[in-house]
Amino acid sequence: MKEIVVATTNKGKLKEISAMLEKLGIEVKSIKDVLGYNPDIEETGTTFTENAVIKAETVMNMIHMPTLADDSGLEVDALDKQPGIYSSRFMGEDTSYDIKNQWIIDAIKDKEDKTARFVCAMALAIPGEETKTFLGTFEGEINDCIDGENGFGYDPIFYYPPLKKTSAVMTMEEKNKVSHRAKALKALYDYLEEEHK
């Protein structure tokens, strides 16, 4: 496999995936590079993995090239694993993360259980082959306040006990060792490395 199309236009994700896969001599292209636009794909799955598979297979069927897609989000145990697969659409897509984050803090402030996790599912769809999936989780808890400028989304409220800081305070190097996306990407890398032998 010489190239993989990633079903995203997120420059940060593309950079992270490219950095990992170029070690295997695999060129990473964005969906926009290939199609000229980013198709609007309805995520009808009930899990992160199902949504990643839907995206990867839909795009692969459009372009007939190996396609990688991911779906990720935050699960808060005291909120029955919400926002979960609706993480980006939680409280409406136009609602700022400052508002979403404060709502989550307020919703669980009186609860004993503050455990939470980021989940990342990746799916690799290759023409004529069964779609492969890779899952990574990043365990932590909800902080009692918004803290940090690094990262995005729910990072400022996601506290990682081993480093005693939120993922929005962690350096990129620290985050890339333990994050959900880093773990899913490592599983993908290990699979592709084995396939390249």
Protein backbone atom coordinates (compact mmCIF):
# COMPACT_ATOMS: atom_id res chain seq x y z
CA MET A 1 0.00 0.00 0.00
CA LYS A 2 1.56 3.26 -1.15
CA GLU A 3 -1.13 5.75 -0.19
CA ILE A 4 -4.11 6.16 2.10
CA VAL A 5 -6.86 8.74 1.83
CA VAL A 6 -8.02 10.10 5.18
CA ALA A 7 -11.71 11.01 5.35
CA THR A 8 -11.07 14.35 7.07
CA THR A 9 -10.02 17.90 6.30
CA ASN A 10 -8.76 18.44 9.87
CA LYS A 11 -5.15 19.58 9.38
CA GLY A 12 -4.10 18.48 12.87
CA LYS A 13 -5.37 14.93 12.34
CA LEU A 14 -3.77 14.75 8.89
CA LYS A 15 -0.41 15.90 10.25
CA GLU A 16 -0.51 13.36 13.08
CA ILE A 17 -1.48 10.48 10.76
CA SER A 18 1.06 11.51 8.10
CA ALA A 19 3.90 11.67 10.63
CA MET A 20 3.17 8.11 11.73
CA LEU A 21 2.53 6.50 8.33
CA GLU A 22 5.35 8.16 6.38
CA LYS A 23 7.71 5.95 8.43
CA LEU A 24 6.19 3.06 6.46
CA GLY A 25 6.53 4.88 3.14
CA ILE A 26 2.78 5.49 2.93
CA GLU A 27 1.64 8.83 1.52
CA VAL A 28 -1.38 10.33 3.28
CA LYS A 29 -3.88 12.42 1.32
CA SER A 30 -6.97 14.21 2.57
CA ILE A 31 -10.38 13.50 1.09
CA LYS A 32 -10.34 17.06 -0.29
CA ASP A 33 -7.07 16.34 -2.18
CA VAL A 34 -8.77 13.46 -3.98
CA LEU A 35 -12.41 14.52 -4.36
CA GLY A 36 -11.98 18.28 -4.28
CA TYR A 37 -14.50 18.54 -1.44
CA ASN A 38 -15.37 16.93 1.88
CA PRO A 39 -18.56 14.85 1.47
CA ASP A 40 -21.24 15.18 4.13
CA ILE A 41 -21.63 11.64 5.46
CA GLU A 42 -24.48 10.85 7.82
CA GLU A 43 -23.15 9.09 10.91
CA THR A 44 -25.95 6.67 11.76
CA GLY A 45 -23.92 4.25 13.90
CA THR A 46 -24.51 3.70 17.60
CA THR A 47 -20.79 3.40 18.47
CA PHE A 48 -17.59 5.22 17.56
CA THR A 49 -16.45 2.14 15.63
CA GLU A 50 -19.67 1.91 13.60
CA ASN A 51 -19.41 5.58 12.63
CA ALA A 52 -15.75 5.24 11.62
CA VAL A 53 -16.63 2.22 9.44
CA ILE A 54 -19.55 4.09 7.81
CA LYS A 55 -17.26 7.02 6.93
CA ALA A 56 -14.37 4.87 5.69
CA GLU A 57 -16.51 2.56 3.55
CA THR A 58 -18.62 5.39 2.10
CA VAL A 59 -15.54 7.32 0.98
CA MET A 60 -13.72 4.18 -0.20
CA ASN A 61 -16.72 3.31 -2.40
CA MET A 62 -16.59 6.82 -3.91
CA ILE A 63 -12.87 6.88 -4.70
CA HIS A 64 -11.88 3.17 -4.86
CA MET A 65 -8.72 3.77 -2.82
CA PRO A 66 -7.66 2.67 0.69
CA THR A 67 -9.47 5.02 3.07
CA LEU A 68 -8.97 5.75 6.76
CA ALA A 69 -11.66 7.39 8.89
CA ASP A 70 -12.03 8.00 12.59
CA ASP A 71 -14.72 8.89 15.05
CA SER A 72 -13.95 10.09 18.52
CA GLY A 73 -15.48 11.73 21.53
CA LEU A 74 -15.78 12.03 25.29
CA GLU A 75 -17.64 9.62 27.58
CA VAL A 76 -18.53 10.86 31.08
CA ASP A 77 -19.59 7.97 33.31
CA ALA A 78 -21.80 10.07 35.62
CA LEU A 79 -23.72 11.25 32.52
CA ASP A 80 -24.39 7.71 31.21
CA LYS A 81 -21.37 8.03 28.89
CA GLN A 82 -22.65 11.27 27.34
CA PRO A 83 -21.80 13.17 25.20
CA GLY A 84 -20.36 10.01 23.56
CA ILE A 85 -20.90 9.67 19.81
CA TYR A 86 -22.67 13.04 19.88
CA SER A 87 -19.61 14.86 21.29
CA SER A 88 -19.30 17.38 18.45
CA ARG A 89 -23.08 17.88 18.19
CA PHE A 90 -23.71 17.90 21.97
CA MET A 91 -25.92 20.88 22.93
CA GLY A 92 -25.97 21.89 19.24
CA GLU A 93 -23.09 22.23 16.78
CA ASP A 94 -23.07 26.04 17.14
CA THR A 95 -22.64 25.88 20.93
CA SER A 96 -19.09 26.84 21.97
CA TYR A 97 -16.93 24.33 23.82
CA ASP A 98 -16.60 26.82 26.68
CA ILE A 99 -20.36 26.48 27.23
CA LYS A 100 -20.36 22.68 26.71
CA ASN A 101 -17.42 22.24 29.08
CA GLN A 102 -18.96 24.38 31.82
CA TRP A 103 -22.28 22.52 31.46
CA ILE A 104 -20.51 19.16 32.01
CA ILE A 105 -18.61 20.50 35.05
CA ASP A 106 -21.86 21.83 36.55
CA ALA A 107 -23.82 18.65 35.73
CA ILE A 108 -21.46 16.40 37.72
CA LYS A 109 -20.13 18.76 40.41
CA ASP A 110 -22.16 17.03 43.15
CA LYS A 111 -21.47 13.51 41.89
CA GLU A 112 -18.79 11.32 43.40
CA ASP A 113 -17.89 9.61 40.12
CA LYS A 114 -15.94 12.00 37.90
CA THR A 115 -14.40 9.29 35.67
CA ALA A 116 -14.37 9.90 31.94
CA ARG A 117 -12.52 8.83 28.84
CA PHE A 118 -11.77 9.97 25.35
CA VAL A 119 -12.40 7.24 22.77
CA CYS A 120 -11.04 7.09 19.22
CA ALA A 121 -12.09 4.45 16.70
CA MET A 122 -10.31 4.21 13.35
CA ALA A 123 -11.48 2.21 10.36
CA LEU A 124 -9.36 1.28 7.34
CA ALA A 125 -11.41 0.35 4.27
CA ILE A 126 -9.50 -1.21 1.38
CA PRO A 127 -11.20 -2.15 -1.91
CA GLY A 128 -11.90 -5.90 -2.00
CA GLU A 129 -10.94 -6.47 1.64
CA GLU A 130 -12.73 -6.58 4.97
CA THR A 131 -12.63 -3.25 6.82
CA LYS A 132 -10.19 -3.24 9.75
CA THR A 133 -10.88 -1.29 12.95
CA PHE A 134 -8.62 0.05 15.70
CA LEU A 135 -9.68 1.47 19.08
CA GLY A 136 -7.87 3.67 21.57
CA THR A 137 -9.00 5.07 24.92
CA PHE A 138 -7.59 7.77 27.18
CA GLU A 139 -8.80 7.36 30.79
CA GLY A 140 -9.13 10.28 33.17
CA GLU A 141 -11.72 12.34 34.98
CA ILE A 142 -13.62 15.59 34.65
CA ASN A 143 -11.79 18.53 36.22
CA ASP A 144 -13.64 20.93 38.51
CA CYS A 145 -12.80 23.90 36.27
CA ILE A 146 -11.74 24.75 32.72
CA ASP A 147 -7.92 24.69 32.59
CA GLY A 148 -5.45 25.07 29.73
CA GLU A 149 -5.02 26.59 26.30
CA ASN A 150 -3.53 23.66 24.35
CA GLY A 151 -5.69 21.20 22.47
CA PHE A 152 -9.33 21.78 21.63
CA GLY A 153 -12.85 20.61 22.39
CA TYR A 154 -13.17 18.95 25.78
CA ASP A 155 -9.40 18.97 26.51
CA PRO A 156 -9.65 21.83 29.09
CA ILE A 157 -11.92 19.77 31.40
CA PHE A 158 -10.28 16.35 30.90
CA TYR A 159 -7.93 15.75 33.85
CA TYR A 160 -5.24 13.06 33.52
CA PRO A 161 -4.25 11.93 37.07
CA PRO A 162 -0.80 10.42 36.25
CA LEU A 163 0.42 13.83 35.02
CA LYS A 164 -1.79 15.86 37.41
CA LYS A 165 -3.03 18.16 34.62
CA THR A 166 -5.74 18.50 32.00
CA SER A 167 -5.04 17.44 28.45
CA ALA A 168 -5.23 21.15 27.51
CA VAL A 169 -2.17 21.78 29.72
CA MET A 170 -0.24 18.73 28.46
CA THR A 171 2.41 19.26 25.80
CA MET A 172 1.85 17.67 22.40
CA GLU A 173 4.67 15.23 23.21
CA GLU A 174 3.00 14.17 26.47
CA LYS A 175 -0.39 13.84 24.81
CA ASN A 176 0.95 11.80 21.89
CA LYS A 177 2.21 9.15 24.32
CA VAL A 178 -1.13 8.53 26.05
CA SER A 179 -4.03 9.95 24.02
CA HIS A 180 -6.89 7.94 22.55
CA ARG A 181 -5.95 8.95 19.00
CA ALA A 182 -2.28 8.09 19.57
CA LYS A 183 -3.27 4.61 20.81
CA ALA A 184 -5.62 3.93 17.88
CA LEU A 185 -2.98 5.23 15.46
CA LYS A 186 -0.33 2.98 17.05
CA ALA A 187 -2.61 -0.04 16.58
CA LEU A 188 -3.11 0.96 12.91
CA TYR A 189 0.65 1.45 12.49
CA ASP A 190 1.42 -1.97 13.99
CA TYR A 191 -1.11 -3.60 11.64
CA LEU A 192 0.29 -1.84 8.55
CA GLU A 193 3.89 -2.55 9.58
CA GLU A 194 3.01 -6.26 9.82
CA GLU A 195 1.31 -6.12 6.41
CA HIS A 196 4.41 -4.48 4.87
CA LYS A 197 6.77 -7.28 5.97
